[in-house]
Amino acid sequence: MRLQMTAAETGPCVLAMEAGRLFQSIVTESGIMSSTGRDTHGVDFNTVYSAFYPKILRYLARLVGPDEAEDVSQEVFIKISRSLGDYRGEGISSWVYRIATNAAMDRRRRASPIAIPAEEESIAPDSAETAEQHLIRGEMSECVRGLIDALPDTYRAVLILSEIEGLADAEIASVVGATLETVKIRLHRARRRLREALVDRCSLYRDGDDRLLCDRKAPPGN
């Protein structure tokens, strides 16, 4: 099961999507789209918008925060509208997420420099679903969301694309412009960092419905 939005998260997203529909009509009617006359491989802006706007809005909320997600989403879809003529028929999902990821990284880079962690040369493949993956893929608590937000940008992006958006490793490589091996390394290291943070800062337990949950540990001395 992928991420389920809680009531607190759903409200702002619903409001933003209402604004997004207004934005869609403005883009469609204003002549912003500049791909007329070029081969778009059967893809049109309204189809892309309808299929991806809610997903991209939620994805960007995880990368740049809910306060900036709507603005960045509009930048993304303006870019998409102007770039349809450059679309070469590759996976549409990877293409849209690549534009969204680049926009998010640009926004964060303007706010503060992004440190790119050194990569390991090789890794052992992740095996069965671990506790941290279970928590990410289920309904995340505030504790887990905070730990993911604290990851380096390059790690957070691939982790969200994999565990929440459900993209395959090869699709993620296309989105972030990295090799498949680099994506696997970043995912491995992101999961390892999250695992270490969970052990250090969270108490894991199962509720009456046998769901795995976590709470933030009290600071030492409390």
Protein backbone atom coordinates (compact mmCIF):
# COMPACT_ATOMS: atom_id res chain seq x y z
CA MET A 1 0.00 0.00 0.00
CA ARG A 2 1.33 3.41 -0.94
CA LEU A 3 1.05 6.58 1.09
CA GLN A 4 -2.44 7.52 2.20
CA MET A 5 -3.03 11.21 2.77
CA THR A 6 -4.28 12.09 6.23
CA ALA A 7 -7.10 14.56 6.77
CA ALA A 8 -4.61 17.28 7.68
CA GLU A 9 -2.72 16.75 4.43
CA THR A 10 -5.78 16.33 2.22
CA GLY A 11 -7.36 19.71 2.98
CA PRO A 12 -4.60 21.97 1.63
CA CYS A 13 -4.09 19.67 -1.38
CA VAL A 14 -7.78 19.81 -2.24
CA LEU A 15 -7.69 23.60 -2.10
CA ALA A 16 -4.54 23.67 -4.20
CA MET A 17 -6.08 21.34 -6.78
CA GLU A 18 -9.08 23.68 -7.08
CA ALA A 19 -6.65 26.50 -7.82
CA GLY A 20 -4.86 24.13 -10.17
CA ARG A 21 -7.98 23.60 -12.27
CA LEU A 22 -8.26 27.37 -12.69
CA PHE A 23 -4.60 27.44 -13.68
CA GLN A 24 -5.24 24.66 -16.23
CA SER A 25 -7.97 26.67 -17.92
CA ILE A 26 -5.77 29.78 -18.00
CA VAL A 27 -2.87 27.88 -19.59
CA THR A 28 -5.17 26.23 -22.12
CA GLU A 29 -6.95 29.42 -23.15
CA SER A 30 -4.11 31.94 -22.95
CA GLY A 31 -1.86 30.65 -25.70
CA ILE A 32 0.98 29.85 -23.28
CA MET A 33 1.29 26.43 -24.89
CA SER A 34 3.76 26.71 -27.73
CA SER A 35 3.88 23.16 -29.08
CA THR A 36 1.23 23.69 -31.80
CA GLY A 37 2.35 22.19 -35.08
CA ARG A 38 4.99 19.94 -33.52
CA ASP A 39 4.72 16.19 -33.00
CA THR A 40 3.78 15.50 -29.37
CA HIS A 41 3.35 11.75 -29.90
CA GLY A 42 -0.36 11.92 -29.19
CA VAL A 43 0.07 13.63 -25.80
CA ASP A 44 -1.81 16.86 -25.07
CA PHE A 45 -1.56 19.22 -22.14
CA ASN A 46 -5.04 18.60 -20.71
CA THR A 47 -4.47 14.84 -20.65
CA VAL A 48 -1.13 15.23 -18.89
CA TYR A 49 -2.53 17.76 -16.46
CA SER A 50 -5.54 15.63 -15.52
CA ALA A 51 -3.43 12.52 -15.03
CA PHE A 52 -0.52 14.04 -13.12
CA TYR A 53 -1.40 17.30 -11.36
CA PRO A 54 -2.61 15.74 -8.06
CA LYS A 55 0.38 13.37 -7.97
CA ILE A 56 2.89 16.10 -8.74
CA LEU A 57 1.35 18.44 -6.18
CA ARG A 58 1.71 15.82 -3.43
CA TYR A 59 5.19 14.88 -4.63
CA LEU A 60 6.37 18.50 -4.55
CA ALA A 61 4.82 19.02 -1.12
CA ARG A 62 7.24 16.36 0.11
CA LEU A 63 10.23 17.96 -1.64
CA VAL A 64 9.73 21.71 -1.14
CA GLY A 65 7.03 21.81 1.54
CA PRO A 66 3.27 22.43 1.24
CA ASP A 67 3.67 26.22 1.30
CA GLU A 68 5.62 26.25 -1.98
CA ALA A 69 4.22 23.14 -3.66
CA GLU A 70 1.44 24.93 -5.53
CA ASP A 71 3.74 27.60 -6.97
CA VAL A 72 6.28 25.01 -8.07
CA SER A 73 3.51 22.82 -9.52
CA GLN A 74 2.39 25.72 -11.70
CA GLU A 75 5.98 26.26 -12.86
CA VAL A 76 6.16 22.56 -13.72
CA PHE A 77 3.00 22.54 -15.82
CA ILE A 78 3.91 25.75 -17.61
CA LYS A 79 7.20 24.04 -18.49
CA ILE A 80 5.30 20.94 -19.61
CA SER A 81 2.96 23.01 -21.79
CA ARG A 82 5.91 24.66 -23.50
CA SER A 83 7.92 21.45 -23.84
CA LEU A 84 5.37 19.06 -25.33
CA GLY A 85 6.92 19.61 -28.75
CA ASP A 86 10.21 18.32 -27.32
CA TYR A 87 8.62 15.16 -25.93
CA ARG A 88 10.16 12.20 -27.74
CA GLY A 89 7.74 9.47 -26.75
CA GLU A 90 9.67 8.11 -23.75
CA GLY A 91 7.71 7.13 -20.64
CA ILE A 92 5.39 10.05 -19.92
CA SER A 93 5.54 9.45 -16.16
CA SER A 94 9.34 9.65 -16.09
CA TRP A 95 9.27 12.79 -18.27
CA VAL A 96 6.77 14.60 -16.02
CA TYR A 97 8.51 13.62 -12.80
CA ARG A 98 11.87 14.68 -14.26
CA ILE A 99 10.53 18.18 -14.92
CA ALA A 100 8.99 18.30 -11.43
CA THR A 101 12.17 17.08 -9.72
CA ASN A 102 14.34 19.60 -11.56
CA ALA A 103 11.95 22.41 -10.61
CA ALA A 104 11.99 21.34 -6.96
CA MET A 105 15.78 21.11 -6.87
CA ASP A 106 16.06 24.53 -8.50
CA ARG A 107 13.73 26.01 -5.88
CA ARG A 108 15.67 24.43 -3.01
CA ARG A 109 18.99 25.41 -4.56
CA ARG A 110 17.91 29.05 -4.62
CA ALA A 111 17.05 28.78 -0.93
CA SER A 112 20.27 26.98 0.08
CA PRO A 113 23.05 25.03 -1.63
CA ILE A 114 22.33 21.32 -2.08
CA ALA A 115 25.06 19.04 -0.81
CA ILE A 116 25.39 15.89 -2.91
CA PRO A 117 26.62 13.02 -0.70
CA ALA A 118 29.53 10.90 -1.89
CA GLU A 119 28.34 7.65 -3.43
CA GLU A 120 29.52 4.17 -2.50
CA GLU A 121 31.03 2.01 -5.23
CA SER A 122 28.80 -0.99 -4.66
CA ILE A 123 25.96 -2.10 -2.44
CA ALA A 124 24.16 -5.23 -1.42
CA PRO A 125 20.59 -5.25 -2.81
CA ASP A 126 17.74 -4.51 -0.41
CA SER A 127 15.79 -7.65 0.31
CA ALA A 128 12.41 -8.06 2.00
CA GLU A 129 10.35 -5.07 3.08
CA THR A 130 11.91 -3.57 6.18
CA ALA A 131 10.25 -1.71 9.03
CA GLU A 132 11.11 1.71 7.61
CA GLN A 133 9.74 0.77 4.17
CA HIS A 134 6.55 -0.50 5.79
CA LEU A 135 6.14 2.80 7.62
CA ILE A 136 6.80 4.86 4.48
CA ARG A 137 4.42 2.84 2.34
CA GLY A 138 1.68 2.91 4.91
CA GLU A 139 0.12 6.03 6.40
CA MET A 140 3.17 7.92 7.64
CA SER A 141 3.17 9.42 11.08
CA GLU A 142 4.48 12.92 11.71
CA CYS A 143 7.58 11.25 13.18
CA VAL A 144 8.47 9.43 9.95
CA ARG A 145 7.66 12.44 7.77
CA GLY A 146 10.05 14.55 9.81
CA LEU A 147 12.85 12.00 9.45
CA ILE A 148 12.38 11.80 5.68
CA ASP A 149 12.38 15.60 5.41
CA ALA A 150 15.74 15.64 7.21
CA LEU A 151 17.41 13.45 4.55
CA PRO A 152 19.69 15.10 1.94
CA ASP A 153 17.72 16.24 -1.10
CA THR A 154 19.19 13.63 -3.44
CA TYR A 155 18.26 10.84 -1.03
CA ARG A 156 14.81 12.19 -0.20
CA ALA A 157 13.89 12.51 -3.89
CA VAL A 158 14.71 8.92 -4.83
CA LEU A 159 13.11 7.57 -1.65
CA ILE A 160 9.84 9.40 -2.29
CA LEU A 161 9.83 8.42 -5.97
CA SER A 162 10.34 4.78 -5.02
CA GLU A 163 8.32 4.25 -1.88
CA ILE A 164 5.51 6.78 -2.29
CA GLU A 165 5.19 7.42 -6.02
CA GLY A 166 5.86 3.78 -6.88
CA LEU A 167 8.37 4.34 -9.69
CA ALA A 168 10.73 1.54 -10.69
CA ASP A 169 14.47 2.08 -10.23
CA ALA A 170 14.98 2.50 -13.98
CA GLU A 171 12.25 5.18 -14.11
CA ILE A 172 13.85 6.99 -11.17
CA ALA A 173 17.19 6.96 -12.99
CA SER A 174 15.51 8.68 -15.94
CA VAL A 175 13.81 11.20 -13.65
CA VAL A 176 16.90 12.28 -11.70
CA GLY A 177 19.37 11.94 -14.58
CA ALA A 178 21.54 9.34 -12.89
CA THR A 179 22.66 5.83 -13.71
CA LEU A 180 20.64 2.87 -12.48
CA GLU A 181 23.52 1.88 -10.20
CA THR A 182 23.63 5.38 -8.68
CA VAL A 183 19.90 5.27 -7.99
CA LYS A 184 20.26 1.91 -6.26
CA ILE A 185 23.10 3.30 -4.17
CA ARG A 186 21.10 6.38 -3.18
CA LEU A 187 18.05 4.29 -2.29
CA HIS A 188 20.16 1.93 -0.22
CA ARG A 189 21.82 4.77 1.64
CA ALA A 190 18.55 6.69 2.11
CA ARG A 191 16.90 3.61 3.62
CA ARG A 192 19.93 2.98 5.81
CA ARG A 193 19.91 6.55 7.12
CA LEU A 194 16.20 6.39 7.75
CA ARG A 195 16.60 3.06 9.52
CA GLU A 196 19.31 4.51 11.78
CA ALA A 197 17.17 7.57 12.52
CA LEU A 198 14.17 5.40 13.38
CA VAL A 199 16.22 3.33 15.82
CA ASP A 200 17.74 6.43 17.38
CA ARG A 201 14.69 8.69 17.59
CA CYS A 202 11.51 6.62 17.35
CA SER A 203 9.73 3.90 19.31
CA LEU A 204 8.17 1.29 17.03
CA TYR A 205 5.08 -0.63 18.08
CA ARG A 206 1.98 -2.33 16.69
CA ASP A 207 -1.53 -1.14 17.45
CA GLY A 208 -4.64 -3.23 18.04
CA ASP A 209 -5.07 -3.75 14.28
CA ASP A 210 -1.47 -5.01 14.01
CA ARG A 211 -0.35 -1.90 12.12
CA LEU A 212 3.28 -0.91 12.57
CA LEU A 213 3.45 2.61 14.02
CA CYS A 214 6.04 4.85 15.61
CA ASP A 215 6.24 7.70 18.09
CA ARG A 216 9.11 10.11 18.64
CA LYS A 217 11.23 9.16 21.64
CA ALA A 218 11.41 11.62 24.52
CA PRO A 219 14.70 13.56 24.65
CA PRO A 220 17.29 12.13 27.07
CA GLY A 221 16.78 13.31 30.63
CA ASN A 222 12.98 13.73 30.30
